[in-house]
Amino acid sequence: MYEINRSLAIIKPKQQFLDWLTGVLDPVPEGMTLDELRRDATAILIPEFDDEESALQFVYSNYDELFERELEDWVGDERTWPSARTLKLFKEWFDIEIHSMVTDMVEDDFANMHASSLSLH
């Protein structure tokens, strides 16, 4: 078990995202609720930051790619996506949670690669 020198951002959908999603999916998966979407939200590793505001600014500076990934995870047809995918809309559709400590409890090739790369520095 070791700490990863990264922070974690969790992208949690809001009601506006669910409203869009249920408007374009046909059929809408049975039992799809906001609680369910938020419970299994996207988690991304981001650079380590000293404060939450800096971490949020990093996420917001990459909102366009993150926004597209969230849309694509659910709907592949880009014609149904909102055409004006602005930072304002991203903030209206998603909450961002920042977690400053990430610990890897799995010993595998990734862990071994990470450990060996750390010893080179």
PDB file of N, CA and C in Angstrom:
ATOM      1  N   MET A   1       0.848  -1.169   0.000  1.00  0.00           N
ATOM      2  CA  MET A   1       0.000   0.000   0.000  1.00  0.00           C
ATOM      3  C   MET A   1       0.899   1.240   0.000  1.00  0.00           C
ATOM      4  N   TYR A   2       0.578   2.181  -0.879  1.00  0.00           N
ATOM      5  CA  TYR A   2       1.369   3.399  -0.936  1.00  0.00           C
ATOM      6  C   TYR A   2       0.499   4.557  -1.406  1.00  0.00           C
ATOM      7  N   GLU A   3       0.909   5.743  -1.009  1.00  0.00           N
ATOM      8  CA  GLU A   3       0.194   6.942  -1.441  1.00  0.00           C
ATOM      9  C   GLU A   3       0.653   7.326  -2.834  1.00  0.00           C
ATOM     10  N   ILE A   4      -0.309   7.704  -3.663  1.00  0.00           N
ATOM     11  CA  ILE A   4      -0.012   8.170  -5.008  1.00  0.00           C
ATOM     12  C   ILE A   4       0.095   9.686  -4.939  1.00  0.00           C
ATOM     13  N   ASN A   5       1.069  10.257  -5.587  1.00  0.00           N
ATOM     14  CA  ASN A   5       1.248  11.708  -5.586  1.00  0.00           C
ATOM     15  C   ASN A   5       0.272  12.356  -6.558  1.00  0.00           C
ATOM     16  N   ARG A   6      -0.996  12.169  -6.300  1.00  0.00           N
ATOM     17  CA  ARG A   6      -2.072  12.721  -7.114  1.00  0.00           C
ATOM     18  C   ARG A   6      -3.224  13.089  -6.199  1.00  0.00           C
ATOM     19  N   SER A   7      -4.093  13.934  -6.707  1.00  0.00           N
ATOM     20  CA  SER A   7      -5.371  14.196  -6.066  1.00  0.00           C
ATOM     21  C   SER A   7      -6.431  13.490  -6.897  1.00  0.00           C
ATOM     22  N   LEU A   8      -7.624  13.446  -6.375  1.00  0.00           N
ATOM     23  CA  LEU A   8      -8.728  12.779  -7.047  1.00  0.00           C
ATOM     24  C   LEU A   8      -9.877  13.764  -7.202  1.00  0.00           C
ATOM     25  N   ALA A   9     -10.431  13.817  -8.403  1.00  0.00           N
ATOM     26  CA  ALA A   9     -11.621  14.628  -8.648  1.00  0.00           C
ATOM     27  C   ALA A   9     -12.751  13.678  -9.026  1.00  0.00           C
ATOM     28  N   ILE A  10     -13.889  13.861  -8.396  1.00  0.00           N
ATOM     29  CA  ILE A  10     -15.069  13.063  -8.716  1.00  0.00           C
ATOM     30  C   ILE A  10     -16.078  13.992  -9.370  1.00  0.00           C
ATOM     31  N   ILE A  11     -16.553  13.588 -10.547  1.00  0.00           N
ATOM     32  CA  ILE A  11     -17.488  14.386 -11.333  1.00  0.00           C
ATOM     33  C   ILE A  11     -18.878  13.802 -11.116  1.00  0.00           C
ATOM     34  N   LYS A  12     -19.706  14.516 -10.345  1.00  0.00           N
ATOM     35  CA  LYS A  12     -21.027  14.008  -9.967  1.00  0.00           C
ATOM     36  C   LYS A  12     -22.119  14.747 -10.729  1.00  0.00           C
ATOM     37  N   PRO A  13     -22.909  13.994 -11.498  1.00  0.00           N
ATOM     38  CA  PRO A  13     -23.995  14.635 -12.252  1.00  0.00           C
ATOM     39  C   PRO A  13     -25.014  15.307 -11.333  1.00  0.00           C
ATOM     40  N   LYS A  14     -25.589  16.384 -11.849  1.00  0.00           N
ATOM     41  CA  LYS A  14     -26.692  17.073 -11.181  1.00  0.00           C
ATOM     42  C   LYS A  14     -27.985  16.777 -11.946  1.00  0.00           C
ATOM     43  N   GLN A  15     -29.091  17.279 -11.423  1.00  0.00           N
ATOM     44  CA  GLN A  15     -30.401  17.046 -12.015  1.00  0.00           C
ATOM     45  C   GLN A  15     -30.463  17.489 -13.479  1.00  0.00           C
ATOM     46  N   GLN A  16     -29.795  18.582 -13.823  1.00  0.00           N
ATOM     47  CA  GLN A  16     -29.820  19.076 -15.209  1.00  0.00           C
ATOM     48  C   GLN A  16     -29.251  18.048 -16.180  1.00  0.00           C
ATOM     49  N   PHE A  17     -28.190  17.335 -15.762  1.00  0.00           N
ATOM     50  CA  PHE A  17     -27.622  16.281 -16.603  1.00  0.00           C
ATOM     51  C   PHE A  17     -28.618  15.135 -16.752  1.00  0.00           C
ATOM     52  N   LEU A  18     -29.223  14.726 -15.657  1.00  0.00           N
ATOM     53  CA  LEU A  18     -30.208  13.648 -15.713  1.00  0.00           C
ATOM     54  C   LEU A  18     -31.379  14.034 -16.608  1.00  0.00           C
ATOM     55  N   ASP A  19     -31.830  15.278 -16.515  1.00  0.00           N
ATOM     56  CA  ASP A  19     -32.931  15.739 -17.366  1.00  0.00           C
ATOM     57  C   ASP A  19     -32.561  15.621 -18.841  1.00  0.00           C
ATOM     58  N   TRP A  20     -31.360  16.049 -19.204  1.00  0.00           N
ATOM     59  CA  TRP A  20     -30.909  15.923 -20.591  1.00  0.00           C
ATOM     60  C   TRP A  20     -30.840  14.452 -20.989  1.00  0.00           C
ATOM     61  N   LEU A  21     -30.248  13.650 -20.122  1.00  0.00           N
ATOM     62  CA  LEU A  21     -30.039  12.240 -20.414  1.00  0.00           C
ATOM     63  C   LEU A  21     -31.361  11.513 -20.652  1.00  0.00           C
ATOM     64  N   THR A  22     -32.323  11.736 -19.799  1.00  0.00           N
ATOM     65  CA  THR A  22     -33.607  11.058 -19.970  1.00  0.00           C
ATOM     66  C   THR A  22     -34.361  11.579 -21.190  1.00  0.00           C
ATOM     67  N   GLY A  23     -33.996  12.764 -21.648  1.00  0.00           N
ATOM     68  CA  GLY A  23     -34.611  13.311 -22.852  1.00  0.00           C
ATOM     69  C   GLY A  23     -34.052  12.745 -24.141  1.00  0.00           C
ATOM     70  N   VAL A  24     -32.841  12.192 -24.097  1.00  0.00           N
ATOM     71  CA  VAL A  24     -32.222  11.678 -25.325  1.00  0.00           C
ATOM     72  C   VAL A  24     -32.106  10.157 -25.361  1.00  0.00           C
ATOM     73  N   LEU A  25     -32.117   9.506 -24.210  1.00  0.00           N
ATOM     74  CA  LEU A  25     -32.025   8.045 -24.203  1.00  0.00           C
ATOM     75  C   LEU A  25     -33.372   7.429 -24.554  1.00  0.00           C
ATOM     76  N   ASP A  26     -33.322   6.422 -25.406  1.00  0.00           N
ATOM     77  CA  ASP A  26     -34.555   5.714 -25.751  1.00  0.00           C
ATOM     78  C   ASP A  26     -34.214   4.248 -25.927  1.00  0.00           C
ATOM     79  N   PRO A  27     -34.563   3.404 -25.021  1.00  0.00           N
ATOM     80  CA  PRO A  27     -35.333   3.694 -23.808  1.00  0.00           C
ATOM     81  C   PRO A  27     -34.423   4.163 -22.673  1.00  0.00           C
ATOM     82  N   VAL A  28     -35.021   4.798 -21.695  1.00  0.00           N
ATOM     83  CA  VAL A  28     -34.299   5.202 -20.494  1.00  0.00           C
ATOM     84  C   VAL A  28     -34.136   3.949 -19.629  1.00  0.00           C
ATOM     85  N   PRO A  29     -32.910   3.670 -19.175  1.00  0.00           N
ATOM     86  CA  PRO A  29     -32.715   2.486 -18.323  1.00  0.00           C
ATOM     87  C   PRO A  29     -33.632   2.531 -17.097  1.00  0.00           C
ATOM     88  N   GLU A  30     -34.246   1.399 -16.824  1.00  0.00           N
ATOM     89  CA  GLU A  30     -35.163   1.312 -15.690  1.00  0.00           C
ATOM     90  C   GLU A  30     -34.434   1.624 -14.387  1.00  0.00           C
ATOM     91  N   GLY A  31     -35.044   2.420 -13.560  1.00  0.00           N
ATOM     92  CA  GLY A  31     -34.481   2.739 -12.251  1.00  0.00           C
ATOM     93  C   GLY A  31     -33.391   3.792 -12.273  1.00  0.00           C
ATOM     94  N   MET A  32     -33.179   4.472 -13.409  1.00  0.00           N
ATOM     95  CA  MET A  32     -32.145   5.502 -13.462  1.00  0.00           C
ATOM     96  C   MET A  32     -32.585   6.693 -12.606  1.00  0.00           C
ATOM     97  N   THR A  33     -31.803   6.972 -11.590  1.00  0.00           N
ATOM     98  CA  THR A  33     -32.100   8.092 -10.704  1.00  0.00           C
ATOM     99  C   THR A  33     -30.843   8.939 -10.530  1.00  0.00           C
ATOM    100  N   LEU A  34     -31.034  10.134 -10.046  1.00  0.00           N
ATOM    101  CA  LEU A  34     -29.891  10.998  -9.775  1.00  0.00           C
ATOM    102  C   LEU A  34     -29.002  10.381  -8.700  1.00  0.00           C
ATOM    103  N   ASP A  35     -29.607   9.792  -7.684  1.00  0.00           N
ATOM    104  CA  ASP A  35     -28.808   9.149  -6.631  1.00  0.00           C
ATOM    105  C   ASP A  35     -27.912   8.057  -7.210  1.00  0.00           C
ATOM    106  N   GLU A  36     -28.461   7.270  -8.137  1.00  0.00           N
ATOM    107  CA  GLU A  36     -27.682   6.200  -8.756  1.00  0.00           C
ATOM    108  C   GLU A  36     -26.531   6.765  -9.584  1.00  0.00           C
ATOM    109  N   LEU A  37     -26.809   7.807 -10.372  1.00  0.00           N
ATOM    110  CA  LEU A  37     -25.752   8.428 -11.181  1.00  0.00           C
ATOM    111  C   LEU A  37     -24.651   9.007 -10.304  1.00  0.00           C
ATOM    112  N   ARG A  38     -25.025   9.617  -9.199  1.00  0.00           N
ATOM    113  CA  ARG A  38     -24.044  10.249  -8.316  1.00  0.00           C
ATOM    114  C   ARG A  38     -23.272   9.221  -7.498  1.00  0.00           C
ATOM    115  N   ARG A  39     -23.890   8.076  -7.232  1.00  0.00           N
ATOM    116  CA  ARG A  39     -23.235   7.034  -6.435  1.00  0.00           C
ATOM    117  C   ARG A  39     -22.088   6.386  -7.218  1.00  0.00           C
ATOM    118  N   ASP A  40     -22.242   6.250  -8.530  1.00  0.00           N
ATOM    119  CA  ASP A  40     -21.211   5.624  -9.364  1.00  0.00           C
ATOM    120  C   ASP A  40     -20.672   6.653 -10.353  1.00  0.00           C
ATOM    121  N   ALA A  41     -20.164   7.752  -9.822  1.00  0.00           N
ATOM    122  CA  ALA A  41     -19.702   8.872 -10.642  1.00  0.00           C
ATOM    123  C   ALA A  41     -18.277   8.650 -11.132  1.00  0.00           C
ATOM    124  N   THR A  42     -17.898   9.430 -12.115  1.00  0.00           N
ATOM    125  CA  THR A  42     -16.557   9.364 -12.689  1.00  0.00           C
ATOM    126  C   THR A  42     -15.527   9.914 -11.700  1.00  0.00           C
ATOM    127  N   ALA A  43     -14.451   9.173 -11.529  1.00  0.00           N
ATOM    128  CA  ALA A  43     -13.334   9.618 -10.682  1.00  0.00           C
ATOM    129  C   ALA A  43     -12.098   9.721 -11.570  1.00  0.00           C
ATOM    130  N   ILE A  44     -11.394  10.833 -11.461  1.00  0.00           N
ATOM    131  CA  ILE A  44     -10.198  11.037 -12.268  1.00  0.00           C
ATOM    132  C   ILE A  44      -9.022  11.439 -11.372  1.00  0.00           C
ATOM    133  N   LEU A  45      -7.860  10.923 -11.719  1.00  0.00           N
ATOM    134  CA  LEU A  45      -6.642  11.349 -11.032  1.00  0.00           C
ATOM    135  C   LEU A  45      -6.188  12.657 -11.661  1.00  0.00           C
ATOM    136  N   ILE A  46      -5.851  13.601 -10.820  1.00  0.00           N
ATOM    137  CA  ILE A  46      -5.347  14.894 -11.273  1.00  0.00           C
ATOM    138  C   ILE A  46      -4.042  15.176 -10.528  1.00  0.00           C
ATOM    139  N   PRO A  47      -3.277  16.168 -10.974  1.00  0.00           N
ATOM    140  CA  PRO A  47      -2.044  16.486 -10.242  1.00  0.00           C
ATOM    141  C   PRO A  47      -2.334  16.820  -8.778  1.00  0.00           C
ATOM    142  N   GLU A  48      -1.347  16.613  -7.958  1.00  0.00           N
ATOM    143  CA  GLU A  48      -1.460  16.944  -6.543  1.00  0.00           C
ATOM    144  C   GLU A  48      -1.460  18.470  -6.386  1.00  0.00           C
ATOM    145  N   PHE A  49      -2.391  18.980  -5.596  1.00  0.00           N
ATOM    146  CA  PHE A  49      -2.492  20.422  -5.363  1.00  0.00           C
ATOM    147  C   PHE A  49      -2.487  20.703  -3.870  1.00  0.00           C
ATOM    148  N   ASP A  50      -2.018  21.900  -3.509  1.00  0.00           N
ATOM    149  CA  ASP A  50      -1.963  22.291  -2.096  1.00  0.00           C
ATOM    150  C   ASP A  50      -3.317  22.704  -1.548  1.00  0.00           C
ATOM    151  N   ASP A  51      -4.234  23.118  -2.437  1.00  0.00           N
ATOM    152  CA  ASP A  51      -5.537  23.561  -1.959  1.00  0.00           C
ATOM    153  C   ASP A  51      -6.631  23.171  -2.959  1.00  0.00           C
ATOM    154  N   GLU A  52      -7.847  23.122  -2.461  1.00  0.00           N
ATOM    155  CA  GLU A  52      -8.980  22.690  -3.273  1.00  0.00           C
ATOM    156  C   GLU A  52      -9.245  23.639  -4.442  1.00  0.00           C
ATOM    157  N   GLU A  53      -9.075  24.922  -4.236  1.00  0.00           N
ATOM    158  CA  GLU A  53      -9.330  25.894  -5.306  1.00  0.00           C
ATOM    159  C   GLU A  53      -8.419  25.655  -6.510  1.00  0.00           C
ATOM    160  N   SER A  54      -7.156  25.368  -6.261  1.00  0.00           N
ATOM    161  CA  SER A  54      -6.226  25.086  -7.362  1.00  0.00           C
ATOM    162  C   SER A  54      -6.624  23.814  -8.099  1.00  0.00           C
ATOM    163  N   ALA A  55      -7.051  22.813  -7.349  1.00  0.00           N
ATOM    164  CA  ALA A  55      -7.498  21.561  -7.966  1.00  0.00           C
ATOM    165  C   ALA A  55      -8.747  21.796  -8.814  1.00  0.00           C
ATOM    166  N   LEU A  56      -9.680  22.575  -8.300  1.00  0.00           N
ATOM    167  CA  LEU A  56     -10.886  22.898  -9.072  1.00  0.00           C
ATOM    168  C   LEU A  56     -10.534  23.664 -10.336  1.00  0.00           C
ATOM    169  N   GLN A  57      -9.599  24.583 -10.239  1.00  0.00           N
ATOM    170  CA  GLN A  57      -9.201  25.346 -11.420  1.00  0.00           C
ATOM    171  C   GLN A  57      -8.605  24.429 -12.485  1.00  0.00           C
ATOM    172  N   PHE A  58      -7.867  23.418 -12.054  1.00  0.00           N
ATOM    173  CA  PHE A  58      -7.332  22.444 -13.010  1.00  0.00           C
ATOM    174  C   PHE A  58      -8.474  21.716 -13.722  1.00  0.00           C
ATOM    175  N   VAL A  59      -9.440  21.239 -12.951  1.00  0.00           N
ATOM    176  CA  VAL A  59     -10.585  20.535 -13.539  1.00  0.00           C
ATOM    177  C   VAL A  59     -11.325  21.465 -14.493  1.00  0.00           C
ATOM    178  N   TYR A  60     -11.586  22.683 -14.052  1.00  0.00           N
ATOM    179  CA  TYR A  60     -12.337  23.623 -14.897  1.00  0.00           C
ATOM    180  C   TYR A  60     -11.552  24.002 -16.158  1.00  0.00           C
ATOM    181  N   SER A  61     -10.230  24.011 -16.075  1.00  0.00           N
ATOM    182  CA  SER A  61      -9.446  24.329 -17.272  1.00  0.00           C
ATOM    183  C   SER A  61      -9.486  23.187 -18.290  1.00  0.00           C
ATOM    184  N   ASN A  62      -9.944  22.032 -17.862  1.00  0.00           N
ATOM    185  CA  ASN A  62     -10.078  20.859 -18.738  1.00  0.00           C
ATOM    186  C   ASN A  62     -11.541  20.445 -18.911  1.00  0.00           C
ATOM    187  N   TYR A  63     -12.448  21.355 -18.610  1.00  0.00           N
ATOM    188  CA  TYR A  63     -13.871  21.010 -18.601  1.00  0.00           C
ATOM    189  C   TYR A  63     -14.357  20.496 -19.947  1.00  0.00           C
ATOM    190  N   ASP A  64     -13.836  21.037 -21.062  1.00  0.00           N
ATOM    191  CA  ASP A  64     -14.355  20.645 -22.371  1.00  0.00           C
ATOM    192  C   ASP A  64     -14.135  19.154 -22.631  1.00  0.00           C
ATOM    193  N   GLU A  65     -12.944  18.654 -22.349  1.00  0.00           N
ATOM    194  CA  GLU A  65     -12.664  17.232 -22.536  1.00  0.00           C
ATOM    195  C   GLU A  65     -13.472  16.384 -21.555  1.00  0.00           C
ATOM    196  N   LEU A  66     -13.552  16.825 -20.310  1.00  0.00           N
ATOM    197  CA  LEU A  66     -14.305  16.081 -19.299  1.00  0.00           C
ATOM    198  C   LEU A  66     -15.791  16.054 -19.641  1.00  0.00           C
ATOM    199  N   PHE A  67     -16.321  17.193 -20.103  1.00  0.00           N
ATOM    200  CA  PHE A  67     -17.722  17.290 -20.488  1.00  0.00           C
ATOM    201  C   PHE A  67     -18.022  16.287 -21.607  1.00  0.00           C
ATOM    202  N   GLU A  68     -17.180  16.278 -22.629  1.00  0.00           N
ATOM    203  CA  GLU A  68     -17.390  15.365 -23.752  1.00  0.00           C
ATOM    204  C   GLU A  68     -17.326  13.904 -23.315  1.00  0.00           C
ATOM    205  N   ARG A  69     -16.430  13.591 -22.421  1.00  0.00           N
ATOM    206  CA  ARG A  69     -16.314  12.199 -21.944  1.00  0.00           C
ATOM    207  C   ARG A  69     -17.562  11.782 -21.187  1.00  0.00           C
ATOM    208  N   GLU A  70     -18.091  12.691 -20.375  1.00  0.00           N
ATOM    209  CA  GLU A  70     -19.315  12.367 -19.638  1.00  0.00           C
ATOM    210  C   GLU A  70     -20.479  12.128 -20.601  1.00  0.00           C
ATOM    211  N   LEU A  71     -20.591  12.969 -21.615  1.00  0.00           N
ATOM    212  CA  LEU A  71     -21.666  12.811 -22.592  1.00  0.00           C
ATOM    213  C   LEU A  71     -21.489  11.515 -23.378  1.00  0.00           C
ATOM    214  N   GLU A  72     -20.262  11.274 -23.832  1.00  0.00           N
ATOM    215  CA  GLU A  72     -19.972  10.106 -24.652  1.00  0.00           C
ATOM    216  C   GLU A  72     -20.174   8.791 -23.890  1.00  0.00           C
ATOM    217  N   ASP A  73     -19.930   8.820 -22.587  1.00  0.00           N
ATOM    218  CA  ASP A  73     -20.149   7.610 -21.782  1.00  0.00           C
ATOM    219  C   ASP A  73     -21.602   7.144 -21.855  1.00  0.00           C
ATOM    220  N   TRP A  74     -22.511   8.069 -22.097  1.00  0.00           N
ATOM    221  CA  TRP A  74     -23.937   7.747 -22.123  1.00  0.00           C
ATOM    222  C   TRP A  74     -24.547   7.756 -23.517  1.00  0.00           C
ATOM    223  N   VAL A  75     -24.129   8.711 -24.342  1.00  0.00           N
ATOM    224  CA  VAL A  75     -24.755   8.895 -25.653  1.00  0.00           C
ATOM    225  C   VAL A  75     -23.662   9.124 -26.693  1.00  0.00           C
ATOM    226  N   GLY A  76     -23.521   8.182 -27.602  1.00  0.00           N
ATOM    227  CA  GLY A  76     -22.490   8.288 -28.623  1.00  0.00           C
ATOM    228  C   GLY A  76     -22.811   9.259 -29.748  1.00  0.00           C
ATOM    229  N   ASP A  77     -24.076   9.554 -29.945  1.00  0.00           N
ATOM    230  CA  ASP A  77     -24.500  10.428 -31.038  1.00  0.00           C
ATOM    231  C   ASP A  77     -24.281  11.892 -30.642  1.00  0.00           C
ATOM    232  N   GLU A  78     -23.205  12.473 -31.149  1.00  0.00           N
ATOM    233  CA  GLU A  78     -22.846  13.851 -30.791  1.00  0.00           C
ATOM    234  C   GLU A  78     -23.911  14.866 -31.209  1.00  0.00           C
ATOM    235  N   ARG A  79     -24.759  14.503 -32.159  1.00  0.00           N
ATOM    236  CA  ARG A  79     -25.815  15.440 -32.594  1.00  0.00           C
ATOM    237  C   ARG A  79     -26.814  15.730 -31.476  1.00  0.00           C
ATOM    238  N   THR A  80     -26.879  14.846 -30.478  1.00  0.00           N
ATOM    239  CA  THR A  80     -27.811  15.056 -29.365  1.00  0.00           C
ATOM    240  C   THR A  80     -27.173  15.847 -28.219  1.00  0.00           C
ATOM    241  N   TRP A  81     -25.867  16.052 -28.300  1.00  0.00           N
ATOM    242  CA  TRP A  81     -25.167  16.777 -27.244  1.00  0.00           C
ATOM    243  C   TRP A  81     -25.496  18.264 -27.315  1.00  0.00           C
ATOM    244  N   PRO A  82     -25.452  18.937 -26.186  1.00  0.00           N
ATOM    245  CA  PRO A  82     -25.633  20.393 -26.228  1.00  0.00           C
ATOM    246  C   PRO A  82     -24.529  21.017 -27.087  1.00  0.00           C
ATOM    247  N   SER A  83     -24.910  21.923 -27.970  1.00  0.00           N
ATOM    248  CA  SER A  83     -23.914  22.525 -28.863  1.00  0.00           C
ATOM    249  C   SER A  83     -23.040  23.550 -28.140  1.00  0.00           C
ATOM    250  N   ALA A  84     -23.587  24.215 -27.170  1.00  0.00           N
ATOM    251  CA  ALA A  84     -22.828  25.224 -26.406  1.00  0.00           C
ATOM    252  C   ALA A  84     -22.379  24.606 -25.087  1.00  0.00           C
ATOM    253  N   ARG A  85     -21.304  23.842 -25.144  1.00  0.00           N
ATOM    254  CA  ARG A  85     -20.780  23.199 -23.937  1.00  0.00           C
ATOM    255  C   ARG A  85     -19.781  24.144 -23.267  1.00  0.00           C
ATOM    256  N   THR A  86     -20.299  25.036 -22.489  1.00  0.00           N
ATOM    257  CA  THR A  86     -19.498  26.053 -21.831  1.00  0.00           C
ATOM    258  C   THR A  86     -19.124  25.607 -20.416  1.00  0.00           C
ATOM    259  N   LEU A  87     -18.192  26.317 -19.826  1.00  0.00           N
ATOM    260  CA  LEU A  87     -17.844  26.057 -18.435  1.00  0.00           C
ATOM    261  C   LEU A  87     -19.061  26.293 -17.546  1.00  0.00           C
ATOM    262  N   LYS A  88     -19.832  27.311 -17.860  1.00  0.00           N
ATOM    263  CA  LYS A  88     -21.046  27.597 -17.080  1.00  0.00           C
ATOM    264  C   LYS A  88     -21.993  26.402 -17.105  1.00  0.00           C
ATOM    265  N   LEU A  89     -22.209  25.811 -18.292  1.00  0.00           N
ATOM    266  CA  LEU A  89     -23.094  24.656 -18.399  1.00  0.00           C
ATOM    267  C   LEU A  89     -22.500  23.456 -17.669  1.00  0.00           C
ATOM    268  N   PHE A  90     -21.192  23.257 -17.776  1.00  0.00           N
ATOM    269  CA  PHE A  90     -20.523  22.166 -17.063  1.00  0.00           C
ATOM    270  C   PHE A  90     -20.786  22.284 -15.559  1.00  0.00           C
ATOM    271  N   LYS A  91     -20.663  23.484 -15.022  1.00  0.00           N
ATOM    272  CA  LYS A  91     -20.899  23.702 -13.588  1.00  0.00           C
ATOM    273  C   LYS A  91     -22.370  23.501 -13.222  1.00  0.00           C
ATOM    274  N   GLU A  92     -23.265  23.791 -14.158  1.00  0.00           N
ATOM    275  CA  GLU A  92     -24.697  23.578 -13.910  1.00  0.00           C
ATOM    276  C   GLU A  92     -25.054  22.090 -13.931  1.00  0.00           C
ATOM    277  N   TRP A  93     -24.316  21.304 -14.692  1.00  0.00           N
ATOM    278  CA  TRP A  93     -24.631  19.889 -14.867  1.00  0.00           C
ATOM    279  C   TRP A  93     -23.861  18.962 -13.938  1.00  0.00           C
ATOM    280  N   PHE A  94     -22.734  19.439 -13.372  1.00  0.00           N
ATOM    281  CA  PHE A  94     -21.882  18.558 -12.566  1.00  0.00           C
ATOM    282  C   PHE A  94     -21.349  19.264 -11.324  1.00  0.00           C
ATOM    283  N   ASP A  95     -21.328  18.521 -10.221  1.00  0.00           N
ATOM    284  CA  ASP A  95     -20.599  18.918  -9.022  1.00  0.00           C
ATOM    285  C   ASP A  95     -19.235  18.262  -9.097  1.00  0.00           C
ATOM    286  N   ILE A  96     -18.236  18.932  -8.549  1.00  0.00           N
ATOM    287  CA  ILE A  96     -16.881  18.373  -8.508  1.00  0.00           C
ATOM    288  C   ILE A  96     -16.471  18.226  -7.051  1.00  0.00           C
ATOM    289  N   GLU A  97     -16.064  17.033  -6.688  1.00  0.00           N
ATOM    290  CA  GLU A  97     -15.503  16.782  -5.362  1.00  0.00           C
ATOM    291  C   GLU A  97     -14.005  16.575  -5.527  1.00  0.00           C
ATOM    292  N   ILE A  98     -13.238  17.187  -4.661  1.00  0.00           N
ATOM    293  CA  ILE A  98     -11.785  17.033  -4.682  1.00  0.00           C
ATOM    294  C   ILE A  98     -11.356  16.276  -3.431  1.00  0.00           C
ATOM    295  N   HIS A  99     -10.508  15.289  -3.639  1.00  0.00           N
ATOM    296  CA  HIS A  99      -9.933  14.531  -2.530  1.00  0.00           C
ATOM    297  C   HIS A  99      -8.418  14.608  -2.674  1.00  0.00           C
ATOM    298  N   SER A 100      -7.753  15.017  -1.619  1.00  0.00           N
ATOM    299  CA  SER A 100      -6.324  15.324  -1.712  1.00  0.00           C
ATOM    300  C   SER A 100      -5.409  14.119  -1.512  1.00  0.00           C
ATOM    301  N   MET A 101      -5.927  13.039  -0.979  1.00  0.00           N
ATOM    302  CA  MET A 101      -5.067  11.901  -0.718  1.00  0.00           C
ATOM    303  C   MET A 101      -5.601  10.672  -1.446  1.00  0.00           C
ATOM    304  N   VAL A 102      -4.707  10.013  -2.185  1.00  0.00           N
ATOM    305  CA  VAL A 102      -5.062   8.792  -2.899  1.00  0.00           C
ATOM    306  C   VAL A 102      -4.058   7.720  -2.487  1.00  0.00           C
ATOM    307  N   THR A 103      -4.587   6.597  -2.043  1.00  0.00           N
ATOM    308  CA  THR A 103      -3.750   5.480  -1.629  1.00  0.00           C
ATOM    309  C   THR A 103      -4.074   4.284  -2.506  1.00  0.00           C
ATOM    310  N   ASP A 104      -3.055   3.634  -3.019  1.00  0.00           N
ATOM    311  CA  ASP A 104      -3.219   2.444  -3.835  1.00  0.00           C
ATOM    312  C   ASP A 104      -2.953   1.232  -2.953  1.00  0.00           C
ATOM    313  N   MET A 105      -3.960   0.370  -2.825  1.00  0.00           N
ATOM    314  CA  MET A 105      -3.831  -0.821  -1.991  1.00  0.00           C
ATOM    315  C   MET A 105      -3.602  -2.078  -2.824  1.00  0.00           C
ATOM    316  N   VAL A 106      -3.433  -1.922  -4.132  1.00  0.00           N
ATOM    317  CA  VAL A 106      -3.280  -3.070  -5.016  1.00  0.00           C
ATOM    318  C   VAL A 106      -1.831  -3.171  -5.468  1.00  0.00           C
ATOM    319  N   GLU A 107      -1.258  -4.323  -5.276  1.00  0.00           N
ATOM    320  CA  GLU A 107       0.091  -4.584  -5.767  1.00  0.00           C
ATOM    321  C   GLU A 107      -0.051  -5.266  -7.125  1.00  0.00           C
ATOM    322  N   ASP A 108       0.236  -4.548  -8.189  1.00  0.00           N
ATOM    323  CA  ASP A 108       0.166  -5.118  -9.529  1.00  0.00           C
ATOM    324  C   ASP A 108       1.206  -4.440 -10.392  1.00  0.00           C
ATOM    325  N   ASP A 109       1.126  -4.673 -11.692  1.00  0.00           N
ATOM    326  CA  ASP A 109       2.117  -4.091 -12.595  1.00  0.00           C
ATOM    327  C   ASP A 109       2.136  -2.577 -12.516  1.00  0.00           C
ATOM    328  N   PHE A 110       0.959  -1.948 -12.378  1.00  0.00           N
ATOM    329  CA  PHE A 110       0.909  -0.496 -12.265  1.00  0.00           C
ATOM    330  C   PHE A 110       1.643  -0.044 -11.011  1.00  0.00           C
ATOM    331  N   ALA A 111       1.384  -0.721  -9.910  1.00  0.00           N
ATOM    332  CA  ALA A 111       2.030  -0.360  -8.650  1.00  0.00           C
ATOM    333  C   ALA A 111       3.542  -0.545  -8.757  1.00  0.00           C
ATOM    334  N   ASN A 112       3.956  -1.658  -9.346  1.00  0.00           N
ATOM    335  CA  ASN A 112       5.393  -1.910  -9.483  1.00  0.00           C
ATOM    336  C   ASN A 112       6.048  -0.897 -10.419  1.00  0.00           C
ATOM    337  N   MET A 113       5.352  -0.559 -11.501  1.00  0.00           N
ATOM    338  CA  MET A 113       5.875   0.444 -12.424  1.00  0.00           C
ATOM    339  C   MET A 113       6.015   1.784 -11.709  1.00  0.00           C
ATOM    340  N   HIS A 114       4.966   2.146 -10.949  1.00  0.00           N
ATOM    341  CA  HIS A 114       4.973   3.416 -10.233  1.00  0.00           C
ATOM    342  C   HIS A 114       6.115   3.448  -9.211  1.00  0.00           C
ATOM    343  N   ALA A 115       6.258   2.363  -8.458  1.00  0.00           N
ATOM    344  CA  ALA A 115       7.312   2.302  -7.437  1.00  0.00           C
ATOM    345  C   ALA A 115       8.686   2.390  -8.071  1.00  0.00           C
ATOM    346  N   SER A 116       8.892   1.690  -9.198  1.00  0.00           N
ATOM    347  CA  SER A 116      10.211   1.734  -9.822  1.00  0.00           C
ATOM    348  C   SER A 116      10.491   3.113 -10.418  1.00  0.00           C
ATOM    349  N   SER A 117       9.464   3.778 -10.927  1.00  0.00           N
ATOM    350  CA  SER A 117       9.692   5.117 -11.470  1.00  0.00           C
ATOM    351  C   SER A 117       9.997   6.108 -10.348  1.00  0.00           C
ATOM    352  N   LEU A 118       9.426   5.879  -9.176  1.00  0.00           N
ATOM    353  CA  LEU A 118       9.734   6.750  -8.043  1.00  0.00           C
ATOM    354  C   LEU A 118      11.193   6.585  -7.606  1.00  0.00           C
ATOM    355  N   SER A 119      11.701   5.372  -7.678  1.00  0.00           N
ATOM    356  CA  SER A 119      13.074   5.152  -7.225  1.00  0.00           C
ATOM    357  C   SER A 119      14.098   5.732  -8.190  1.00  0.00           C
ATOM    358  N   LEU A 120      13.662   6.035  -9.423  1.00  0.00           N
ATOM    359  CA  LEU A 120      14.581   6.636 -10.392  1.00  0.00           C
ATOM    360  C   LEU A 120      14.788   8.120 -10.147  1.00  0.00           C
ATOM    361  N   HIS A 121      13.933   8.730  -9.372  1.00  0.00           N
ATOM    362  CA  HIS A 121      14.000  10.197  -9.174  1.00  0.00           C
ATOM    363  C   HIS A 121      14.665  10.569  -7.886  1.00  0.00           C
TER     364      HIS A 121
END
